[in-house]
């Protein structure tokens, strides 16, 4: 595999994008800014009821792209 085909996938859960951007603008996160500047970032929405937003349920929903009703993961 060539270097141009390699990907590092980092997933940061429970971040608040407006706060992260504010702290970057204020200069509080210089190293995170370097990472942020060379990264693609996405805000996801699990589109699920509150009781199905526990991290382990939400991660399966977002990573697979199928709903909680379809994958049935609860614990």
PDB file of N, CA and C in Angstrom:
ATOM      1  N   UNK A   1       0.860  -1.182   0.000  1.00  0.00           N
ATOM      2  CA  UNK A   1       0.000   0.000   0.000  1.00  0.00           C
ATOM      3  C   UNK A   1       0.900   1.237   0.000  1.00  0.00           C
ATOM      4  N   UNK A   2       0.628   2.159  -0.881  1.00  0.00           N
ATOM      5  CA  UNK A   2       1.427   3.379  -0.920  1.00  0.00           C
ATOM      6  C   UNK A   2       0.997   4.326   0.186  1.00  0.00           C
ATOM      7  N   UNK A   3       1.882   5.267   0.532  1.00  0.00           N
ATOM      8  CA  UNK A   3       1.578   6.223   1.599  1.00  0.00           C
ATOM      9  C   UNK A   3       0.343   7.053   1.286  1.00  0.00           C
ATOM     10  N   UNK A   4       0.106   7.363   0.014  1.00  0.00           N
ATOM     11  CA  UNK A   4      -1.045   8.210  -0.309  1.00  0.00           C
ATOM     12  C   UNK A   4      -2.374   7.495  -0.093  1.00  0.00           C
ATOM     13  N   UNK A   5      -2.353   6.170   0.052  1.00  0.00           N
ATOM     14  CA  UNK A   5      -3.577   5.416   0.293  1.00  0.00           C
ATOM     15  C   UNK A   5      -3.814   5.112   1.764  1.00  0.00           C
ATOM     16  N   UNK A   6      -2.887   5.499   2.611  1.00  0.00           N
ATOM     17  CA  UNK A   6      -3.038   5.210   4.033  1.00  0.00           C
ATOM     18  C   UNK A   6      -3.898   6.266   4.710  1.00  0.00           C
ATOM     19  N   UNK A   7      -4.670   5.807   5.660  1.00  0.00           N
ATOM     20  CA  UNK A   7      -5.597   6.685   6.379  1.00  0.00           C
ATOM     21  C   UNK A   7      -5.445   6.442   7.866  1.00  0.00           C
ATOM     22  N   UNK A   8      -5.419   7.498   8.622  1.00  0.00           N
ATOM     23  CA  UNK A   8      -5.517   7.387  10.071  1.00  0.00           C
ATOM     24  C   UNK A   8      -6.915   7.876  10.430  1.00  0.00           C
ATOM     25  N   UNK A   9      -7.671   7.021  11.055  1.00  0.00           N
ATOM     26  CA  UNK A   9      -9.045   7.345  11.420  1.00  0.00           C
ATOM     27  C   UNK A   9      -9.099   7.568  12.917  1.00  0.00           C
ATOM     28  N   UNK A  10      -9.375   8.794  13.321  1.00  0.00           N
ATOM     29  CA  UNK A  10      -9.538   9.121  14.731  1.00  0.00           C
ATOM     30  C   UNK A  10     -10.985   9.513  14.955  1.00  0.00           C
ATOM     31  N   UNK A  11     -11.548   8.985  15.990  1.00  0.00           N
ATOM     32  CA  UNK A  11     -12.924   9.329  16.311  1.00  0.00           C
ATOM     33  C   UNK A  11     -12.952   9.922  17.711  1.00  0.00           C
ATOM     34  N   UNK A  12     -13.416  11.158  17.810  1.00  0.00           N
ATOM     35  CA  UNK A  12     -13.555  11.832  19.093  1.00  0.00           C
ATOM     36  C   UNK A  12     -15.040  11.914  19.410  1.00  0.00           C
ATOM     37  N   UNK A  13     -15.441  11.234  20.453  1.00  0.00           N
ATOM     38  CA  UNK A  13     -16.848  11.218  20.832  1.00  0.00           C
ATOM     39  C   UNK A  13     -17.115  12.258  21.907  1.00  0.00           C
ATOM     40  N   UNK A  14     -18.333  12.765  21.882  1.00  0.00           N
ATOM     41  CA  UNK A  14     -18.812  13.685  22.914  1.00  0.00           C
ATOM     42  C   UNK A  14     -18.126  15.051  22.882  1.00  0.00           C
ATOM     43  N   UNK A  15     -17.577  15.441  21.756  1.00  0.00           N
ATOM     44  CA  UNK A  15     -17.013  16.789  21.632  1.00  0.00           C
ATOM     45  C   UNK A  15     -18.113  17.762  21.230  1.00  0.00           C
ATOM     46  N   UNK A  16     -17.957  18.991  21.629  1.00  0.00           N
ATOM     47  CA  UNK A  16     -18.902  20.044  21.263  1.00  0.00           C
ATOM     48  C   UNK A  16     -18.204  20.950  20.244  1.00  0.00           C
ATOM     49  N   UNK A  17     -18.503  20.793  18.943  1.00  0.00           N
ATOM     50  CA  UNK A  17     -17.795  21.545  17.913  1.00  0.00           C
ATOM     51  C   UNK A  17     -17.730  23.054  18.151  1.00  0.00           C
ATOM     52  N   UNK A  18     -18.819  23.718  18.560  1.00  0.00           N
ATOM     53  CA  UNK A  18     -18.699  25.166  18.792  1.00  0.00           C
ATOM     54  C   UNK A  18     -17.680  25.515  19.882  1.00  0.00           C
ATOM     55  N   UNK A  19     -17.603  24.708  20.922  1.00  0.00           N
ATOM     56  CA  UNK A  19     -16.616  24.976  21.974  1.00  0.00           C
ATOM     57  C   UNK A  19     -15.197  24.701  21.497  1.00  0.00           C
ATOM     58  N   UNK A  20     -14.992  23.602  20.785  1.00  0.00           N
ATOM     59  CA  UNK A  20     -13.659  23.283  20.254  1.00  0.00           C
ATOM     60  C   UNK A  20     -13.192  24.416  19.343  1.00  0.00           C
ATOM     61  N   UNK A  21     -14.053  24.872  18.443  1.00  0.00           N
ATOM     62  CA  UNK A  21     -13.684  25.956  17.525  1.00  0.00           C
ATOM     63  C   UNK A  21     -13.395  27.243  18.293  1.00  0.00           C
ATOM     64  N   UNK A  22     -14.151  27.522  19.334  1.00  0.00           N
ATOM     65  CA  UNK A  22     -13.916  28.710  20.163  1.00  0.00           C
ATOM     66  C   UNK A  22     -12.545  28.620  20.836  1.00  0.00           C
ATOM     67  N   UNK A  23     -12.235  27.471  21.436  1.00  0.00           N
ATOM     68  CA  UNK A  23     -10.953  27.306  22.121  1.00  0.00           C
ATOM     69  C   UNK A  23      -9.783  27.377  21.143  1.00  0.00           C
ATOM     70  N   UNK A  24      -9.967  26.853  19.926  1.00  0.00           N
ATOM     71  CA  UNK A  24      -8.925  26.959  18.899  1.00  0.00           C
ATOM     72  C   UNK A  24      -8.706  28.418  18.531  1.00  0.00           C
ATOM     73  N   UNK A  25      -9.801  29.150  18.285  1.00  0.00           N
ATOM     74  CA  UNK A  25      -9.690  30.580  17.940  1.00  0.00           C
ATOM     75  C   UNK A  25      -8.972  31.366  19.035  1.00  0.00           C
ATOM     76  N   UNK A  26      -9.234  31.014  20.284  1.00  0.00           N
ATOM     77  CA  UNK A  26      -8.632  31.720  21.413  1.00  0.00           C
ATOM     78  C   UNK A  26      -7.197  31.265  21.683  1.00  0.00           C
ATOM     79  N   UNK A  27      -6.714  30.292  20.924  1.00  0.00           N
ATOM     80  CA  UNK A  27      -5.332  29.848  21.057  1.00  0.00           C
ATOM     81  C   UNK A  27      -5.080  28.846  22.167  1.00  0.00           C
ATOM     82  N   UNK A  28      -6.130  28.259  22.731  1.00  0.00           N
ATOM     83  CA  UNK A  28      -5.975  27.330  23.844  1.00  0.00           C
ATOM     84  C   UNK A  28      -5.598  25.908  23.416  1.00  0.00           C
ATOM     85  N   UNK A  29      -5.790  25.577  22.153  1.00  0.00           N
ATOM     86  CA  UNK A  29      -5.544  24.208  21.685  1.00  0.00           C
ATOM     87  C   UNK A  29      -4.633  24.208  20.457  1.00  0.00           C
ATOM     88  N   UNK A  30      -3.404  24.693  20.579  1.00  0.00           N
ATOM     89  CA  UNK A  30      -2.550  24.822  19.386  1.00  0.00           C
ATOM     90  C   UNK A  30      -2.254  23.491  18.693  1.00  0.00           C
ATOM     91  N   UNK A  31      -2.026  22.438  19.432  1.00  0.00           N
ATOM     92  CA  UNK A  31      -1.738  21.153  18.794  1.00  0.00           C
ATOM     93  C   UNK A  31      -2.985  20.536  18.185  1.00  0.00           C
ATOM     94  N   UNK A  32      -4.120  20.701  18.844  1.00  0.00           N
ATOM     95  CA  UNK A  32      -5.372  20.213  18.275  1.00  0.00           C
ATOM     96  C   UNK A  32      -5.692  20.991  17.002  1.00  0.00           C
ATOM     97  N   UNK A  33      -5.366  22.279  16.955  1.00  0.00           N
ATOM     98  CA  UNK A  33      -5.580  23.097  15.756  1.00  0.00           C
ATOM     99  C   UNK A  33      -4.793  22.540  14.576  1.00  0.00           C
ATOM    100  N   UNK A  34      -3.551  22.126  14.825  1.00  0.00           N
ATOM    101  CA  UNK A  34      -2.728  21.543  13.747  1.00  0.00           C
ATOM    102  C   UNK A  34      -3.406  20.307  13.172  1.00  0.00           C
ATOM    103  N   UNK A  35      -3.909  19.440  14.041  1.00  0.00           N
ATOM    104  CA  UNK A  35      -4.614  18.245  13.594  1.00  0.00           C
ATOM    105  C   UNK A  35      -5.902  18.620  12.865  1.00  0.00           C
ATOM    106  N   UNK A  36      -6.646  19.534  13.444  1.00  0.00           N
ATOM    107  CA  UNK A  36      -7.929  19.978  12.880  1.00  0.00           C
ATOM    108  C   UNK A  36      -7.737  20.573  11.477  1.00  0.00           C
ATOM    109  N   UNK A  37      -6.669  21.345  11.303  1.00  0.00           N
ATOM    110  CA  UNK A  37      -6.418  22.015  10.021  1.00  0.00           C
ATOM    111  C   UNK A  37      -6.124  21.055   8.874  1.00  0.00           C
ATOM    112  N   UNK A  38      -5.617  19.873   9.169  1.00  0.00           N
ATOM    113  CA  UNK A  38      -5.278  18.924   8.097  1.00  0.00           C
ATOM    114  C   UNK A  38      -6.256  17.749   8.046  1.00  0.00           C
ATOM    115  N   UNK A  39      -7.372  17.881   8.736  1.00  0.00           N
ATOM    116  CA  UNK A  39      -8.322  16.779   8.843  1.00  0.00           C
ATOM    117  C   UNK A  39      -9.646  17.110   8.178  1.00  0.00           C
ATOM    118  N   UNK A  40     -10.379  16.075   7.859  1.00  0.00           N
ATOM    119  CA  UNK A  40     -11.777  16.209   7.479  1.00  0.00           C
ATOM    120  C   UNK A  40     -12.575  15.935   8.743  1.00  0.00           C
ATOM    121  N   UNK A  41     -13.509  16.785   9.052  1.00  0.00           N
ATOM    122  CA  UNK A  41     -14.314  16.594  10.255  1.00  0.00           C
ATOM    123  C   UNK A  41     -15.783  16.498   9.875  1.00  0.00           C
ATOM    124  N   UNK A  42     -16.494  15.698  10.639  1.00  0.00           N
ATOM    125  CA  UNK A  42     -17.907  15.471  10.372  1.00  0.00           C
ATOM    126  C   UNK A  42     -18.673  15.487  11.683  1.00  0.00           C
ATOM    127  N   UNK A  43     -19.840  16.045  11.661  1.00  0.00           N
ATOM    128  CA  UNK A  43     -20.742  15.996  12.803  1.00  0.00           C
ATOM    129  C   UNK A  43     -21.805  14.977  12.454  1.00  0.00           C
ATOM    130  N   UNK A  44     -21.985  14.002  13.332  1.00  0.00           N
ATOM    131  CA  UNK A  44     -22.941  12.937  13.056  1.00  0.00           C
ATOM    132  C   UNK A  44     -24.179  13.076  13.927  1.00  0.00           C
ATOM    133  N   UNK A  45     -25.230  12.475  13.480  1.00  0.00           N
ATOM    134  CA  UNK A  45     -26.488  12.457  14.220  1.00  0.00           C
ATOM    135  C   UNK A  45     -27.022  11.033  14.148  1.00  0.00           C
ATOM    136  N   UNK A  46     -27.152  10.407  15.296  1.00  0.00           N
ATOM    137  CA  UNK A  46     -27.611   9.015  15.321  1.00  0.00           C
ATOM    138  C   UNK A  46     -29.086   8.885  14.968  1.00  0.00           C
ATOM    139  N   UNK A  47     -29.815  10.003  14.967  1.00  0.00           N
ATOM    140  CA  UNK A  47     -31.241   9.993  14.621  1.00  0.00           C
ATOM    141  C   UNK A  47     -31.986   8.898  15.375  1.00  0.00           C
ATOM    142  N   UNK A  48     -31.831   8.913  16.686  1.00  0.00           N
ATOM    143  CA  UNK A  48     -32.441   7.886  17.506  1.00  0.00           C
ATOM    144  C   UNK A  48     -33.023   8.505  18.762  1.00  0.00           C
ATOM    145  N   UNK A  49     -33.897   7.770  19.427  1.00  0.00           N
ATOM    146  CA  UNK A  49     -34.469   8.222  20.688  1.00  0.00           C
ATOM    147  C   UNK A  49     -33.388   8.281  21.761  1.00  0.00           C
ATOM    148  N   UNK A  50     -33.606   9.101  22.770  1.00  0.00           N
ATOM    149  CA  UNK A  50     -32.628   9.317  23.833  1.00  0.00           C
ATOM    150  C   UNK A  50     -32.168   8.016  24.467  1.00  0.00           C
ATOM    151  N   UNK A  51     -33.058   7.085  24.740  1.00  0.00           N
ATOM    152  CA  UNK A  51     -32.654   5.840  25.395  1.00  0.00           C
ATOM    153  C   UNK A  51     -31.741   4.975  24.540  1.00  0.00           C
ATOM    154  N   UNK A  52     -31.661   5.272  23.250  1.00  0.00           N
ATOM    155  CA  UNK A  52     -30.777   4.520  22.350  1.00  0.00           C
ATOM    156  C   UNK A  52     -29.514   5.296  22.000  1.00  0.00           C
ATOM    157  N   UNK A  53     -29.194   6.313  22.785  1.00  0.00           N
ATOM    158  CA  UNK A  53     -28.005   7.120  22.514  1.00  0.00           C
ATOM    159  C   UNK A  53     -26.858   6.830  23.478  1.00  0.00           C
ATOM    160  N   UNK A  54     -26.974   5.769  24.258  1.00  0.00           N
ATOM    161  CA  UNK A  54     -25.824   5.355  25.062  1.00  0.00           C
ATOM    162  C   UNK A  54     -24.674   5.122  24.084  1.00  0.00           C
ATOM    163  N   UNK A  55     -23.443   5.436  24.490  1.00  0.00           N
ATOM    164  CA  UNK A  55     -22.324   5.355  23.536  1.00  0.00           C
ATOM    165  C   UNK A  55     -22.224   4.054  22.752  1.00  0.00           C
ATOM    166  N   UNK A  56     -22.352   2.921  23.411  1.00  0.00           N
ATOM    167  CA  UNK A  56     -22.188   1.664  22.673  1.00  0.00           C
ATOM    168  C   UNK A  56     -23.268   1.450  21.632  1.00  0.00           C
ATOM    169  N   UNK A  57     -24.482   1.923  21.896  1.00  0.00           N
ATOM    170  CA  UNK A  57     -25.563   1.817  20.911  1.00  0.00           C
ATOM    171  C   UNK A  57     -25.324   2.811  19.774  1.00  0.00           C
ATOM    172  N   UNK A  58     -24.996   4.041  20.141  1.00  0.00           N
ATOM    173  CA  UNK A  58     -24.800   5.084  19.142  1.00  0.00           C
ATOM    174  C   UNK A  58     -23.619   4.763  18.222  1.00  0.00           C
ATOM    175  N   UNK A  59     -22.535   4.235  18.759  1.00  0.00           N
ATOM    176  CA  UNK A  59     -21.377   3.922  17.928  1.00  0.00           C
ATOM    177  C   UNK A  59     -21.731   2.890  16.874  1.00  0.00           C
ATOM    178  N   UNK A  60     -22.457   1.855  17.264  1.00  0.00           N
ATOM    179  CA  UNK A  60     -22.858   0.831  16.284  1.00  0.00           C
ATOM    180  C   UNK A  60     -23.749   1.452  15.219  1.00  0.00           C
ATOM    181  N   UNK A  61     -24.676   2.296  15.629  1.00  0.00           N
ATOM    182  CA  UNK A  61     -25.579   2.956  14.681  1.00  0.00           C
ATOM    183  C   UNK A  61     -24.791   3.788  13.675  1.00  0.00           C
ATOM    184  N   UNK A  62     -23.873   4.616  14.168  1.00  0.00           N
ATOM    185  CA  UNK A  62     -23.127   5.504  13.278  1.00  0.00           C
ATOM    186  C   UNK A  62     -22.111   4.760  12.424  1.00  0.00           C
ATOM    187  N   UNK A  63     -21.430   3.774  12.997  1.00  0.00           N
ATOM    188  CA  UNK A  63     -20.402   3.049  12.248  1.00  0.00           C
ATOM    189  C   UNK A  63     -20.980   2.142  11.172  1.00  0.00           C
ATOM    190  N   UNK A  64     -22.147   1.568  11.431  1.00  0.00           N
ATOM    191  CA  UNK A  64     -22.730   0.653  10.443  1.00  0.00           C
ATOM    192  C   UNK A  64     -23.677   1.353   9.479  1.00  0.00           C
ATOM    193  N   UNK A  65     -24.222   2.494   9.923  1.00  0.00           N
ATOM    194  CA  UNK A  65     -25.166   3.207   9.076  1.00  0.00           C
ATOM    195  C   UNK A  65     -26.563   2.628   9.101  1.00  0.00           C
ATOM    196  N   UNK A  66     -26.807   1.717  10.037  1.00  0.00           N
ATOM    197  CA  UNK A  66     -28.157   1.177  10.147  1.00  0.00           C
ATOM    198  C   UNK A  66     -28.753   1.586  11.490  1.00  0.00           C
ATOM    199  N   UNK A  67     -30.048   1.606  11.562  1.00  0.00           N
ATOM    200  CA  UNK A  67     -30.731   2.099  12.761  1.00  0.00           C
ATOM    201  C   UNK A  67     -30.640   1.109  13.917  1.00  0.00           C
ATOM    202  N   UNK A  68     -30.922   1.629  15.114  1.00  0.00           N
ATOM    203  CA  UNK A  68     -30.952   0.778  16.305  1.00  0.00           C
ATOM    204  C   UNK A  68     -31.966  -0.349  16.124  1.00  0.00           C
ATOM    205  N   UNK A  69     -33.079  -0.058  15.506  1.00  0.00           N
ATOM    206  CA  UNK A  69     -34.104  -1.067  15.284  1.00  0.00           C
ATOM    207  C   UNK A  69     -33.566  -2.211  14.420  1.00  0.00           C
ATOM    208  N   UNK A  70     -32.678  -1.882  13.481  1.00  0.00           N
ATOM    209  CA  UNK A  70     -32.124  -2.922  12.600  1.00  0.00           C
ATOM    210  C   UNK A  70     -31.020  -3.717  13.275  1.00  0.00           C
ATOM    211  N   UNK A  71     -30.068  -3.050  13.937  1.00  0.00           N
ATOM    212  CA  UNK A  71     -28.940  -3.805  14.506  1.00  0.00           C
ATOM    213  C   UNK A  71     -29.262  -4.396  15.872  1.00  0.00           C
ATOM    214  N   UNK A  72     -30.195  -3.832  16.620  1.00  0.00           N
ATOM    215  CA  UNK A  72     -30.646  -4.425  17.876  1.00  0.00           C
ATOM    216  C   UNK A  72     -29.654  -4.410  19.023  1.00  0.00           C
ATOM    217  N   UNK A  73     -28.525  -3.717  18.883  1.00  0.00           N
ATOM    218  CA  UNK A  73     -27.533  -3.674  19.956  1.00  0.00           C
ATOM    219  C   UNK A  73     -28.053  -2.788  21.068  1.00  0.00           C
ATOM    220  N   UNK A  74     -28.048  -3.309  22.286  1.00  0.00           N
ATOM    221  CA  UNK A  74     -28.501  -2.506  23.423  1.00  0.00           C
ATOM    222  C   UNK A  74     -27.467  -2.456  24.531  1.00  0.00           C
ATOM    223  N   UNK A  75     -26.655  -3.479  24.702  1.00  0.00           N
ATOM    224  CA  UNK A  75     -25.615  -3.507  25.740  1.00  0.00           C
ATOM    225  C   UNK A  75     -24.327  -3.993  25.131  1.00  0.00           C
TER     226      UNK A  75
END
